[in-house]
N, C-alpha and C. Protein backbone atom coordinates (compact mmCIF):
# COMPACT_ATOMS: atom_id res chain seq x y z
N MET A 1 0.81 -1.28 0.00
CA MET A 1 -0.22 -0.04 -0.03
C MET A 1 0.52 1.62 -0.03
N THR A 2 0.65 1.93 -0.91
CA THR A 2 1.68 3.39 -1.29
C THR A 2 0.67 4.01 0.04
N ILE A 3 1.73 4.98 0.33
CA ILE A 3 1.95 6.65 1.90
C ILE A 3 0.54 7.15 1.32
N LEU A 4 0.17 7.70 -0.11
CA LEU A 4 -0.84 8.04 -0.20
C LEU A 4 -2.15 7.19 -0.39
N GLY A 5 -2.19 5.96 -0.29
CA GLY A 5 -3.84 5.44 -0.07
C GLY A 5 -3.40 5.01 1.18
N SER A 6 -2.47 4.76 1.99
CA SER A 6 -2.79 4.67 3.41
C SER A 6 -2.90 5.76 4.25
N ALA A 7 -2.81 6.80 3.64
CA ALA A 7 -3.38 8.38 4.36
C ALA A 7 -4.96 8.14 4.24
N VAL A 8 -5.02 7.94 2.70
CA VAL A 8 -6.57 8.27 2.35
C VAL A 8 -7.13 7.26 3.27
N PHE A 9 -7.02 6.04 3.23
CA PHE A 9 -7.79 4.83 4.28
C PHE A 9 -7.64 5.23 5.87
N ALA A 10 -6.84 5.65 6.27
CA ALA A 10 -6.96 6.28 7.49
C ALA A 10 -7.81 7.58 8.08
N VAL A 11 -7.89 8.40 7.15
CA VAL A 11 -8.98 9.21 6.84
C VAL A 11 -10.36 8.92 6.63
N LEU A 12 -10.27 7.77 5.86
CA LEU A 12 -11.97 7.30 5.83
C LEU A 12 -12.16 6.68 6.89
N LEU A 13 -10.98 6.00 7.22
CA LEU A 13 -11.60 5.24 8.42
C LEU A 13 -11.56 5.72 9.63
N SER A 14 -11.02 6.82 10.21
CA SER A 14 -10.96 7.96 11.40
C SER A 14 -12.53 8.81 11.06
N VAL A 15 -12.78 8.87 9.59
CA VAL A 15 -14.31 9.80 9.62
C VAL A 15 -15.09 8.92 10.02
N THR A 16 -15.31 7.53 9.15
CA THR A 16 -16.41 6.70 9.78
C THR A 16 -16.72 6.57 11.05
N VAL A 17 -15.23 5.85 12.30
CA VAL A 17 -15.07 5.97 13.21
C VAL A 17 -16.18 7.16 14.12
N TYR A 18 -15.76 8.34 13.75
CA TYR A 18 -15.79 9.47 14.53
C TYR A 18 -17.86 9.18 13.98
N ILE A 19 -18.10 9.31 12.55
CA ILE A 19 -19.61 9.15 12.63
C ILE A 19 -20.52 8.12 13.03
N MET A 20 -20.12 6.92 13.15
CA MET A 20 -20.59 5.49 14.70
C MET A 20 -20.35 6.14 15.32
N VAL A 21 -19.46 6.73 16.02
CA VAL A 21 -19.36 6.98 17.51
C VAL A 21 -20.68 8.36 17.74
N CYS A 22 -20.42 9.34 17.25
CA CYS A 22 -21.49 10.17 17.55
C CYS A 22 -23.03 9.64 17.29
N GLY A 23 -23.09 9.08 16.24
CA GLY A 23 -24.59 8.27 16.27
C GLY A 23 -24.99 7.19 17.42
N CYS A 24 -24.13 6.56 17.69
CA CYS A 24 -24.30 6.08 18.92
C CYS A 24 -24.34 6.73 20.44
N THR A 25 -24.01 7.76 20.19
CA THR A 25 -24.05 8.86 21.43
C THR A 25 -24.86 10.04 21.32
N GLY A 26 -25.30 10.24 20.51
CA GLY A 26 -26.56 10.53 20.17
C GLY A 26 -25.98 12.17 19.76
N ARG A 27 -24.90 12.34 19.24
CA ARG A 27 -24.49 13.72 18.72
C ARG A 27 -24.46 13.92 17.17
N THR A 28 -24.19 14.81 16.62
CA THR A 28 -23.66 14.87 15.12
C THR A 28 -22.30 15.04 14.86
N ALA A 29 -22.25 14.50 13.83
CA ALA A 29 -20.94 14.61 13.41
C ALA A 29 -20.80 15.91 12.31
N SER A 30 -19.97 16.97 12.03
CA SER A 30 -20.06 17.64 11.37
C SER A 30 -18.89 18.05 10.35
N PHE A 31 -19.12 18.18 9.49
CA PHE A 31 -17.86 18.03 8.48
C PHE A 31 -18.43 19.42 7.13
N PHE A 32 -17.20 20.46 7.44
CA PHE A 32 -17.28 21.84 6.41
C PHE A 32 -19.08 22.05 6.12
N GLY A 33 -19.21 22.60 6.93
CA GLY A 33 -20.92 22.91 6.64
C GLY A 33 -22.09 21.77 6.65
N TYR A 34 -21.48 20.68 6.31
CA TYR A 34 -22.66 18.91 6.76
C TYR A 34 -22.54 18.69 7.89
N SER A 35 -23.58 18.32 8.20
CA SER A 35 -23.49 17.77 9.60
C SER A 35 -24.53 15.65 9.69
N VAL A 36 -23.92 15.29 10.19
CA VAL A 36 -24.63 13.50 9.69
C VAL A 36 -25.10 13.43 11.43
N LEU A 37 -25.87 12.61 11.62
CA LEU A 37 -26.77 12.58 12.48
C LEU A 37 -27.24 11.17 12.25
N LYS A 38 -27.61 10.12 13.21
CA LYS A 38 -28.73 9.07 13.00
C LYS A 38 -30.14 9.47 14.06
N VAL A 39 -30.78 8.55 13.28
CA VAL A 39 -32.41 9.15 13.60
C VAL A 39 -32.66 8.35 14.69
N VAL A 40 -33.60 8.80 15.69
CA VAL A 40 -33.68 7.36 16.73
C VAL A 40 -35.12 7.45 16.98
N SER A 41 -35.60 7.51 16.38
CA SER A 41 -37.41 7.73 16.05
C SER A 41 -37.85 7.42 14.85
N GLY A 42 -39.29 7.05 14.77
CA GLY A 42 -39.87 6.93 13.57
C GLY A 42 -40.97 7.68 13.04
N SER A 43 -40.57 9.23 13.95
CA SER A 43 -41.52 9.87 13.59
C SER A 43 -41.53 10.17 12.61
N MET A 44 -40.55 10.39 11.20
CA MET A 44 -40.73 10.48 10.21
C MET A 44 -40.98 9.42 8.93
N GLU A 45 -41.67 8.63 9.79
CA GLU A 45 -41.99 7.01 8.93
C GLU A 45 -42.75 7.81 7.34
N PRO A 46 -43.07 7.30 6.65
CA PRO A 46 -41.81 6.37 5.73
C PRO A 46 -40.97 6.73 5.04
N SER A 47 -41.07 8.38 5.17
CA SER A 47 -39.70 8.83 4.43
C SER A 47 -38.32 8.91 5.07
N ILE A 48 -38.51 8.83 6.01
CA ILE A 48 -37.13 8.50 7.34
C ILE A 48 -37.78 7.54 8.07
N HIS A 49 -36.58 6.79 8.22
CA HIS A 49 -36.76 5.33 8.93
C HIS A 49 -35.66 5.20 10.28
N GLU A 50 -36.62 5.03 11.32
CA GLU A 50 -35.54 5.05 12.47
C GLU A 50 -34.20 4.07 12.31
N GLY A 51 -33.46 4.34 13.02
CA GLY A 51 -31.93 4.14 12.57
C GLY A 51 -31.23 4.29 11.26
N ASP A 52 -32.04 5.20 10.14
CA ASP A 52 -31.33 6.46 9.22
C ASP A 52 -29.95 6.71 9.64
N TYR A 53 -29.33 6.89 9.08
CA TYR A 53 -27.83 8.05 9.22
C TYR A 53 -28.30 8.74 7.67
N ILE A 54 -28.43 10.01 8.59
CA ILE A 54 -28.79 11.38 7.61
C ILE A 54 -27.95 12.29 7.21
N TYR A 55 -27.54 13.59 5.99
CA TYR A 55 -27.01 14.02 6.23
C TYR A 55 -28.03 15.26 5.81
N ILE A 56 -27.43 16.34 6.66
CA ILE A 56 -28.03 17.99 6.42
C ILE A 56 -27.00 18.56 6.53
N LYS A 57 -27.50 19.94 5.83
CA LYS A 57 -26.58 20.67 5.42
C LYS A 57 -26.92 22.22 5.73
N LYS A 58 -26.34 23.01 6.50
CA LYS A 58 -26.65 24.45 7.59
C LYS A 58 -26.70 25.11 6.33
N THR A 59 -27.86 26.02 6.66
CA THR A 59 -28.42 26.90 5.28
C THR A 59 -29.22 27.99 6.33
N ASP A 60 -29.24 28.80 4.98
CA ASP A 60 -29.74 30.14 5.23
C ASP A 60 -31.70 29.73 5.61
N THR A 61 -31.25 30.23 7.44
CA THR A 61 -32.63 29.93 7.69
C THR A 61 -33.90 30.74 6.80
N ASP A 62 -33.74 32.17 6.11
CA ASP A 62 -34.32 32.44 5.78
C ASP A 62 -34.86 32.19 4.12
N SER A 63 -34.61 31.05 3.61
CA SER A 63 -35.08 30.24 2.17
C SER A 63 -35.75 29.40 2.72
N LEU A 64 -35.91 28.83 3.95
CA LEU A 64 -36.48 27.74 4.44
C LEU A 64 -37.97 27.66 4.31
N LYS A 65 -38.54 26.82 3.79
CA LYS A 65 -40.12 26.88 3.64
C LYS A 65 -40.90 25.93 3.71
N ALA A 66 -42.48 25.96 3.64
CA ALA A 66 -43.22 25.12 4.04
C ALA A 66 -43.17 23.64 3.24
N GLY A 67 -42.76 22.50 3.86
CA GLY A 67 -42.71 20.90 3.03
C GLY A 67 -41.23 20.43 3.15
N ASP A 68 -40.06 21.80 3.86
CA ASP A 68 -38.54 21.29 3.68
C ASP A 68 -38.75 20.44 5.18
N ILE A 69 -37.55 19.20 5.38
CA ILE A 69 -37.49 18.99 6.07
C ILE A 69 -35.69 19.60 6.86
N ILE A 70 -36.03 19.59 8.03
CA ILE A 70 -35.21 20.41 9.22
C ILE A 70 -34.99 19.41 10.21
N SER A 71 -33.67 19.77 10.89
CA SER A 71 -32.85 18.84 12.01
C SER A 71 -32.98 20.45 12.82
N PHE A 72 -33.13 19.77 14.17
CA PHE A 72 -32.87 21.26 15.03
C PHE A 72 -33.01 20.71 16.22
N TYR A 73 -32.89 21.67 17.26
CA TYR A 73 -32.77 21.15 18.52
C TYR A 73 -33.75 21.90 19.66
N SER A 74 -34.71 20.59 19.95
CA SER A 74 -35.79 20.67 20.43
C SER A 74 -36.07 21.48 21.74
N GLN A 75 -37.17 22.49 21.84
CA GLN A 75 -37.41 23.02 23.16
C GLN A 75 -38.70 22.83 23.79
N ASP A 76 -39.05 21.67 23.23
CA ASP A 76 -40.17 21.19 23.71
C ASP A 76 -39.17 20.35 25.03
N GLU A 77 -40.26 20.65 26.63
CA GLU A 77 -39.63 20.66 27.46
C GLU A 77 -39.53 18.71 27.79
N ARG A 78 -40.47 18.20 27.50
CA ARG A 78 -40.33 16.70 27.41
C ARG A 78 -38.73 15.99 26.86
N ILE A 79 -38.40 16.45 25.85
CA ILE A 79 -37.19 16.45 24.83
C ILE A 79 -36.69 17.58 24.99
N LYS A 80 -36.12 18.72 25.81
CA LYS A 80 -35.25 20.09 25.32
C LYS A 80 -34.31 19.39 24.98
N GLY A 81 -33.27 19.55 24.08
CA GLY A 81 -31.90 20.03 24.12
C GLY A 81 -32.00 18.75 22.92
N GLU A 82 -32.55 17.72 22.92
CA GLU A 82 -32.47 16.68 22.01
C GLU A 82 -32.47 17.18 20.25
N ILE A 83 -31.81 16.56 19.43
CA ILE A 83 -32.15 16.87 17.85
C ILE A 83 -33.45 15.87 17.93
N ASN A 84 -34.23 16.44 17.09
CA ASN A 84 -35.18 16.56 16.14
C ASN A 84 -34.93 16.72 14.48
N THR A 85 -35.62 16.32 13.92
CA THR A 85 -35.60 16.12 12.83
C THR A 85 -37.12 15.72 11.84
N HIS A 86 -38.08 17.02 11.45
CA HIS A 86 -39.61 17.10 10.98
C HIS A 86 -39.66 17.63 10.28
N ARG A 87 -40.72 17.77 9.41
CA ARG A 87 -40.85 18.69 8.40
C ARG A 87 -42.10 20.08 8.64
N ILE A 88 -41.01 21.01 7.88
CA ILE A 88 -42.23 22.44 8.34
C ILE A 88 -43.66 22.34 7.73
N SER A 89 -44.69 22.53 8.48
CA SER A 89 -45.30 22.64 7.86
C SER A 89 -46.21 24.12 7.61
N GLU A 90 -45.15 25.45 8.23
CA GLU A 90 -45.81 26.45 8.17
C GLU A 90 -44.50 27.15 8.35
N VAL A 91 -44.89 28.56 7.92
CA VAL A 91 -43.62 29.27 8.15
C VAL A 91 -44.10 30.82 9.10
N LEU A 92 -43.83 30.82 9.93
CA LEU A 92 -45.09 32.54 10.92
C LEU A 92 -44.16 33.54 10.56
N SER A 93 -45.10 34.40 10.94
CA SER A 93 -45.06 35.92 10.72
C SER A 93 -43.78 36.81 11.45
N ASP A 94 -43.31 35.79 12.80
CA ASP A 94 -42.22 36.19 13.39
C ASP A 94 -40.91 35.31 13.27
N GLY A 95 -41.20 34.72 11.65
CA GLY A 95 -39.59 33.81 11.81
C GLY A 95 -39.49 32.71 12.28
N THR A 96 -40.60 32.17 12.78
CA THR A 96 -40.31 30.82 13.58
C THR A 96 -41.60 29.22 12.43
N PHE A 97 -41.20 28.66 12.92
CA PHE A 97 -41.16 27.70 12.02
C PHE A 97 -42.66 26.65 12.85
N VAL A 98 -43.50 26.08 12.23
CA VAL A 98 -44.24 25.01 12.36
C VAL A 98 -44.14 23.68 12.23
N THR A 99 -43.24 22.59 13.07
CA THR A 99 -43.30 21.60 12.45
C THR A 99 -43.88 19.81 12.58
N LYS A 100 -43.54 19.23 11.90
CA LYS A 100 -44.32 18.01 12.29
C LYS A 100 -43.64 16.90 11.89
N GLY A 101 -44.10 15.85 11.97
CA GLY A 101 -43.33 14.43 11.41
C GLY A 101 -44.37 14.20 10.89
N ASP A 102 -44.00 13.02 9.75
CA ASP A 102 -44.97 12.84 8.80
C ASP A 102 -45.50 12.09 9.23
N ALA A 103 -45.10 11.26 10.57
CA ALA A 103 -46.28 9.95 11.11
C ALA A 103 -46.82 10.42 12.06
N ASN A 104 -46.11 11.80 12.32
CA ASN A 104 -47.33 12.12 13.38
C ASN A 104 -48.86 12.79 12.92
N LYS A 105 -49.90 12.49 13.93
CA LYS A 105 -51.18 12.97 13.57
C LYS A 105 -51.05 14.23 13.86
N THR A 106 -50.75 15.02 14.94
CA THR A 106 -50.72 16.63 14.83
C THR A 106 -49.50 17.22 14.99
N GLU A 107 -49.75 18.83 15.00
CA GLU A 107 -47.91 19.27 14.94
C GLU A 107 -47.23 19.18 15.77
N ASP A 108 -45.71 19.74 15.72
CA ASP A 108 -45.13 19.81 17.29
C ASP A 108 -45.70 21.08 17.69
N SER A 109 -45.99 20.66 19.17
CA SER A 109 -46.64 22.22 20.38
C SER A 109 -45.76 22.91 20.65
N VAL A 110 -44.35 23.13 20.00
CA VAL A 110 -43.45 24.11 20.63
C VAL A 110 -43.23 24.41 18.97
N MET A 111 -43.25 25.96 18.62
CA MET A 111 -42.21 26.28 17.32
C MET A 111 -40.53 26.28 17.14
N VAL A 112 -40.46 26.16 16.02
CA VAL A 112 -38.89 26.05 16.06
C VAL A 112 -38.33 27.91 15.92
N GLN A 113 -37.20 27.82 16.48
CA GLN A 113 -36.38 28.99 16.50
C GLN A 113 -35.70 28.87 15.32
N LYS A 114 -35.16 30.34 15.01
CA LYS A 114 -34.41 30.29 13.97
C LYS A 114 -32.38 29.87 13.93
N ASP A 115 -32.81 29.81 15.26
CA ASP A 115 -30.77 29.80 15.84
C ASP A 115 -30.95 28.59 16.72
N SER A 116 -32.26 27.86 16.61
CA SER A 116 -31.71 26.65 16.73
C SER A 116 -31.83 25.13 15.74
N ILE A 117 -31.88 26.07 14.81
CA ILE A 117 -31.80 25.11 13.16
C ILE A 117 -30.70 24.47 12.93
N ILE A 118 -30.43 23.22 12.73
CA ILE A 118 -29.06 22.78 12.67
C ILE A 118 -28.49 22.82 11.22
N GLY A 119 -29.89 22.79 10.11
CA GLY A 119 -30.00 22.41 8.79
C GLY A 119 -31.15 22.05 8.15
N ARG A 120 -30.88 21.67 6.67
CA ARG A 120 -31.88 20.97 6.06
C ARG A 120 -31.31 19.61 5.93
N TYR A 121 -32.39 18.98 5.91
CA TYR A 121 -32.07 17.63 5.36
C TYR A 121 -31.80 17.38 4.20
N CYS A 122 -31.10 16.59 3.28
CA CYS A 122 -30.33 16.39 2.25
C CYS A 122 -30.73 15.35 1.58
N GLY A 123 -30.03 14.08 2.46
CA GLY A 123 -30.26 12.93 2.01
C GLY A 123 -30.09 11.39 3.53
N LYS A 124 -30.03 10.68 2.76
CA LYS A 124 -29.56 9.45 3.71
C LYS A 124 -28.18 8.66 3.36
N LEU A 125 -27.16 8.04 4.12
CA LEU A 125 -26.12 7.33 3.78
C LEU A 125 -26.15 6.15 4.42
N ARG A 126 -26.71 5.49 3.14
CA ARG A 126 -27.16 4.34 3.69
C ARG A 126 -25.95 2.80 4.55
N PHE A 127 -24.72 3.58 3.61
CA PHE A 127 -23.57 2.43 4.66
C PHE A 127 -23.51 2.25 5.51
N PHE A 128 -23.65 3.74 6.55
CA PHE A 128 -23.45 3.54 7.55
C PHE A 128 -24.94 2.96 8.12
N ARG A 129 -25.96 2.82 8.18
CA ARG A 129 -27.22 1.77 8.56
C ARG A 129 -27.01 0.47 8.29
N TRP A 130 -26.25 0.26 6.56
CA TRP A 130 -25.81 -0.99 7.01
C TRP A 130 -24.49 -1.57 8.19
N LEU A 131 -23.92 -0.91 7.85
CA LEU A 131 -22.46 -0.80 9.12
C LEU A 131 -22.95 -1.09 10.18
N GLY A 132 -24.39 -0.38 11.07
CA GLY A 132 -24.63 -0.91 12.06
C GLY A 132 -25.73 -1.49 12.43
N SER A 133 -26.31 -1.71 11.40
CA SER A 133 -27.41 -3.19 11.67
C SER A 133 -27.04 -4.51 11.87
N PHE A 134 -25.61 -5.00 12.02
CA PHE A 134 -25.29 -6.05 12.42
C PHE A 134 -24.86 -6.10 13.87
N ALA A 135 -24.99 -5.04 14.49
CA ALA A 135 -24.08 -5.18 15.68
C ALA A 135 -24.67 -3.88 16.63
N SER A 136 -24.80 -4.74 17.94
CA SER A 136 -25.58 -3.56 18.82
C SER A 136 -24.10 -2.56 18.84
N SER A 137 -24.29 -1.36 19.62
CA SER A 137 -23.96 -0.01 20.09
C SER A 137 -22.69 -0.45 20.93
N LYS A 138 -22.38 -0.88 21.72
CA LYS A 138 -21.32 -1.39 22.48
C LYS A 138 -20.64 -2.25 21.55
N LYS A 139 -20.76 -3.02 20.65
CA LYS A 139 -20.41 -4.49 19.97
C LYS A 139 -19.88 -3.75 18.73
N LEU A 140 -20.66 -2.13 18.29
CA LEU A 140 -20.24 -1.61 17.03
C LEU A 140 -19.05 -0.82 17.24
N LEU A 141 -18.53 -0.09 18.26
CA LEU A 141 -17.95 0.94 19.05
C LEU A 141 -16.65 -0.18 19.49
N MET A 142 -16.88 -1.37 19.75
CA MET A 142 -15.46 -2.19 20.37
C MET A 142 -14.70 -2.24 18.98
N LEU A 143 -16.06 -3.25 17.88
CA LEU A 143 -15.18 -3.35 16.41
C LEU A 143 -14.60 -1.95 15.60
N LEU A 144 -15.01 -1.34 15.75
CA LEU A 144 -14.46 -0.05 15.57
C LEU A 144 -13.24 0.95 15.89
N VAL A 145 -12.60 -0.07 16.83
CA VAL A 145 -11.87 -0.17 17.94
C VAL A 145 -10.60 -0.95 17.67
N ILE A 146 -11.24 -2.35 17.48
CA ILE A 146 -10.44 -3.54 17.37
C ILE A 146 -10.20 -3.18 15.58
N ILE A 147 -11.01 -2.74 14.85
CA ILE A 147 -10.34 -2.60 13.37
C ILE A 147 -9.58 -2.01 12.78
N PRO A 148 -9.11 -0.51 13.91
CA PRO A 148 -7.98 0.19 13.37
C PRO A 148 -6.95 -0.22 14.19
N THR A 149 -7.15 -1.22 15.36
CA THR A 149 -5.81 -1.42 16.22
C THR A 149 -5.04 -2.72 15.43
N LEU A 150 -6.15 -3.31 14.39
CA LEU A 150 -5.39 -4.76 14.13
C LEU A 150 -4.74 -3.93 12.68
N CYS A 151 -5.78 -3.24 11.67
CA CYS A 151 -4.72 -2.67 11.31
C CYS A 151 -3.13 -1.73 11.16
N MET A 152 -3.45 -1.64 12.25
CA MET A 152 -2.35 -0.89 12.38
C MET A 152 -1.27 -1.77 12.66
N ALA A 153 -1.41 -2.78 13.75
CA ALA A 153 -0.94 -4.21 13.42
C ALA A 153 -0.38 -4.86 12.44
N VAL A 154 -1.16 -5.00 11.20
CA VAL A 154 -0.82 -5.58 10.21
C VAL A 154 0.01 -4.63 9.48
N TYR A 155 -0.33 -3.29 9.62
CA TYR A 155 0.68 -2.50 8.88
C TYR A 155 2.17 -2.85 9.63
N GLU A 156 2.10 -3.00 10.82
CA GLU A 156 3.51 -2.76 11.38
C GLU A 156 3.92 -4.15 11.03
N VAL A 157 3.66 -5.72 11.48
CA VAL A 157 3.96 -7.24 11.22
C VAL A 157 4.62 -6.55 9.70
N LYS A 158 4.35 -6.29 8.36
CA LYS A 158 4.23 -5.68 7.55
C LYS A 158 5.62 -5.04 6.98
N THR A 159 5.59 -3.88 8.16
CA THR A 159 6.81 -3.16 8.09
C THR A 159 8.13 -4.13 8.25
N ILE A 160 7.78 -4.84 9.49
CA ILE A 160 8.94 -5.57 9.60
C ILE A 160 8.94 -6.59 9.39
N ALA A 161 8.40 -7.46 8.66
CA ALA A 161 8.56 -8.24 7.54
C ALA A 161 9.63 -7.89 6.18
N GLU A 162 9.09 -6.22 6.14
CA GLU A 162 9.60 -5.60 4.87
C GLU A 162 11.32 -5.68 5.42
N ILE A 163 11.16 -5.25 6.42
CA ILE A 163 12.94 -4.53 6.91
C ILE A 163 13.94 -5.73 7.23
N LYS A 164 12.78 -7.38 7.61
CA LYS A 164 13.58 -8.90 7.75
C LYS A 164 14.21 -8.83 6.36
N ILE A 165 13.00 -8.37 5.45
CA ILE A 165 13.25 -8.89 3.76
C ILE A 165 14.92 -7.96 3.45
N TYR A 166 14.62 -6.78 3.56
CA TYR A 166 15.81 -6.09 3.11
C TYR A 166 16.78 -6.55 3.67
N SER A 167 16.69 -6.56 4.69
CA SER A 167 18.17 -6.73 5.99
C SER A 167 18.83 -8.37 5.02
N SER A 168 17.87 -8.93 5.06
CA SER A 168 18.50 -10.46 4.79
C SER A 168 19.01 -10.61 3.16
N ARG A 169 18.37 -9.21 2.56
CA ARG A 169 18.58 -9.27 1.31
C ARG A 169 20.31 -8.81 1.08
N GLU A 170 20.47 -7.58 1.96
CA GLU A 170 21.48 -6.49 2.03
C GLU A 170 22.44 -8.17 2.51
N GLU A 171 22.29 -8.99 3.48
CA GLU A 171 23.07 -9.85 3.76
C GLU A 171 23.40 -11.05 2.67
N ALA A 172 22.66 -11.14 2.09
CA ALA A 172 22.78 -11.98 1.03
C ALA A 172 23.90 -11.53 -0.15
N LEU A 173 23.35 -10.14 -0.28
CA LEU A 173 24.88 -9.62 -1.36
C LEU A 173 25.84 -9.45 -0.92
N LYS A 174 25.96 -9.03 0.61
CA LYS A 174 27.02 -8.98 0.99
C LYS A 174 28.15 -10.39 0.67
N ALA A 175 27.29 -11.13 1.41
CA ALA A 175 28.05 -12.33 1.25
C ALA A 175 27.95 -13.15 -0.30
N ALA A 176 27.29 -12.57 -1.02
CA ALA A 176 27.80 -12.74 -2.24
C ALA A 176 29.21 -12.03 -2.43
N GLU A 177 28.80 -11.29 -2.18
CA GLU A 177 30.11 -10.57 -2.63
C GLU A 177 31.42 -10.84 -2.00
N GLU A 178 31.40 -10.86 -1.41
CA GLU A 178 32.41 -11.73 -0.17
C GLU A 178 33.20 -13.00 -0.74
N GLU A 179 32.15 -13.91 -1.26
CA GLU A 179 32.45 -14.87 -1.79
C GLU A 179 32.80 -14.80 -3.12
N LYS A 180 32.88 -13.62 -4.32
CA LYS A 180 33.29 -13.34 -5.16
C LYS A 180 34.39 -12.97 -4.92
N GLU A 181 34.95 -12.13 -4.37
CA GLU A 181 36.24 -11.51 -3.37
C GLU A 181 37.02 -12.58 -2.77
N ARG A 182 36.62 -13.91 -2.21
CA ARG A 182 37.34 -14.76 -2.11
C ARG A 182 37.95 -15.65 -3.50
N LEU A 183 36.97 -16.02 -4.11
CA LEU A 183 37.06 -17.02 -5.46
C LEU A 183 38.13 -16.05 -6.07
N MET A 184 38.17 -14.78 -6.34
CA MET A 184 38.67 -14.29 -7.42
C MET A 184 40.29 -13.79 -6.65
N GLN A 185 40.58 -14.39 -4.85
CA GLN A 185 41.67 -13.93 -4.50
C GLN A 185 42.22 -15.48 -4.51
N GLU A 186 41.05 -16.51 -4.70
CA GLU A 186 41.91 -18.16 -5.06
C GLU A 186 42.17 -17.78 -6.43
N ALA A 187 41.77 -17.51 -7.04
CA ALA A 187 42.64 -17.31 -8.30
C ALA A 187 43.34 -16.82 -8.89
N VAL A 188 43.54 -15.37 -7.90
CA VAL A 188 44.90 -14.83 -8.07
C VAL A 188 46.29 -15.94 -7.70
N GLU A 189 45.69 -16.38 -6.32
CA GLU A 189 46.84 -16.86 -5.85
C GLU A 189 47.34 -18.30 -6.69
N LYS A 190 45.84 -18.71 -7.24
CA LYS A 190 46.58 -20.06 -8.47
C LYS A 190 47.76 -19.81 -9.00
N GLU A 191 47.13 -18.44 -10.04
CA GLU A 191 47.79 -18.24 -11.30
C GLU A 191 49.14 -17.58 -10.61
N VAL A 192 49.31 -17.03 -9.56
CA VAL A 192 50.90 -16.39 -8.93
C VAL A 192 51.48 -18.41 -8.93
N GLN A 193 50.94 -19.36 -8.25
CA GLN A 193 51.28 -20.72 -7.79
C GLN A 193 51.75 -20.68 -9.30
N ARG A 194 50.75 -20.79 -10.38
CA ARG A 194 51.31 -21.40 -11.56
C ARG A 194 52.18 -20.66 -12.27
N LEU A 195 52.50 -19.54 -12.21
CA LEU A 195 53.65 -18.77 -12.41
C LEU A 195 54.89 -19.18 -11.98
N LYS A 196 55.04 -19.32 -10.66
CA LYS A 196 55.68 -19.68 -10.13
C LYS A 196 56.78 -20.84 -10.77
N MET A 197 55.40 -21.73 -10.78
CA MET A 197 56.01 -23.25 -11.13
C MET A 197 56.69 -22.69 -12.50
N GLN A 198 56.06 -22.46 -13.42
CA GLN A 198 56.20 -22.51 -15.06
C GLN A 198 57.69 -21.49 -15.02
N GLU A 199 57.91 -20.60 -14.27
CA GLU A 199 59.24 -20.02 -13.94
C GLU A 199 60.27 -20.94 -13.11
N ASN A 200 59.71 -21.66 -12.03
CA ASN A 200 60.86 -22.99 -11.48
C ASN A 200 61.41 -23.78 -12.86
N GLU A 201 60.08 -24.26 -13.64
CA GLU A 201 60.54 -25.36 -14.86
C GLU A 201 61.68 -24.94 -15.70
N LYS A 202 61.12 -23.47 -16.01
CA LYS A 202 62.34 -22.89 -17.07
C LYS A 202 63.04 -22.99 -16.85
N LYS A 203 63.49 -22.37 -15.26
CA LYS A 203 64.54 -22.17 -14.41
C LYS A 203 65.74 -23.67 -14.77
N GLU A 204 64.98 -24.92 -14.26
CA GLU A 204 65.43 -25.84 -14.24
C GLU A 204 65.98 -26.23 -15.58
N ALA A 205 65.04 -26.36 -16.63
CA ALA A 205 65.38 -26.35 -18.02
C ALA A 205 66.62 -25.75 -18.59
N ASN A 206 66.88 -24.45 -18.14
CA ASN A 206 68.00 -23.90 -18.17
C ASN A 206 69.09 -24.10 -17.71
N SER A 207 69.23 -25.21 -16.49
CA SER A 207 70.53 -25.31 -15.69
C SER A 207 70.58 -26.79 -16.61
N ASP A 208 69.40 -27.44 -16.99
CA ASP A 208 69.98 -28.58 -17.42
C ASP A 208 70.85 -28.39 -18.89
N GLU A 209 70.58 -27.60 -19.16
CA GLU A 209 71.02 -27.08 -20.62
C GLU A 209 72.48 -26.81 -21.00
N SER A 210 72.45 -25.97 -19.09
CA SER A 210 73.85 -25.68 -19.52
C SER A 210 74.86 -26.68 -18.60
N ARG A 211 74.58 -27.51 -17.93
CA ARG A 211 75.05 -28.78 -17.55
C ARG A 211 75.47 -29.62 -18.46
N LYS A 212 74.31 -29.84 -19.71
CA LYS A 212 74.98 -30.47 -21.13
C LYS A 212 75.69 -29.77 -21.81
N ASP A 213 75.68 -28.68 -21.30
CA ASP A 213 77.33 -27.88 -22.47
C ASP A 213 78.33 -27.80 -22.03
N ASN A 214 78.52 -27.90 -20.46
CA ASN A 214 79.59 -27.91 -19.81
C ASN A 214 80.17 -29.59 -19.49
N GLU A 215 79.13 -30.35 -20.28
CA GLU A 215 79.61 -32.21 -20.60
C GLU A 215 80.21 -31.92 -21.46
N GLY A 216 79.83 -31.49 -22.50
CA GLY A 216 80.00 -31.46 -23.97
C GLY A 216 81.37 -30.75 -23.91
């Protein structure tokens, strides 16, 4: 895996963990004007289901109109401060909004103030619903801790293996070079011995010829 590929994978994994943790703890995950949150009730059925992960965009509240779906911090005493996602049924003259869940029979009793709006609903992130469908929140959080830990462990093992392979290769090259030098040294020594033997044989031949000349 290249450095760029590893960096992209790490970023995607971090974003996934961040979104899932926020979803499990009832918070929004925010990125560059967008927020992702997990729907915890069926009040917007069948448009939005309980357990869906939706993304919403921060928007100019003056542009909102009846029919838009918005996410906001509820001021209803029963769920005050919790995030609610409902459809605007009416925009009042004072700038507040009347909202209603598609599955609810009546409109919300408390009007939505502009400063409590998080953003306008844009769509669903089906991947995160699928990811969260096979495990409980606790198991999922454990999994999201185990996955990066395993990835780091695999990366470390891979790095160590590459270092060992590189070291073994270097050692093999060094051994081969040493063997080559040894063989060259042996070849030189043999050649020197051969030349010495030829020189001695030549000297002996000359000595024999001189002795024969003297006897003659």
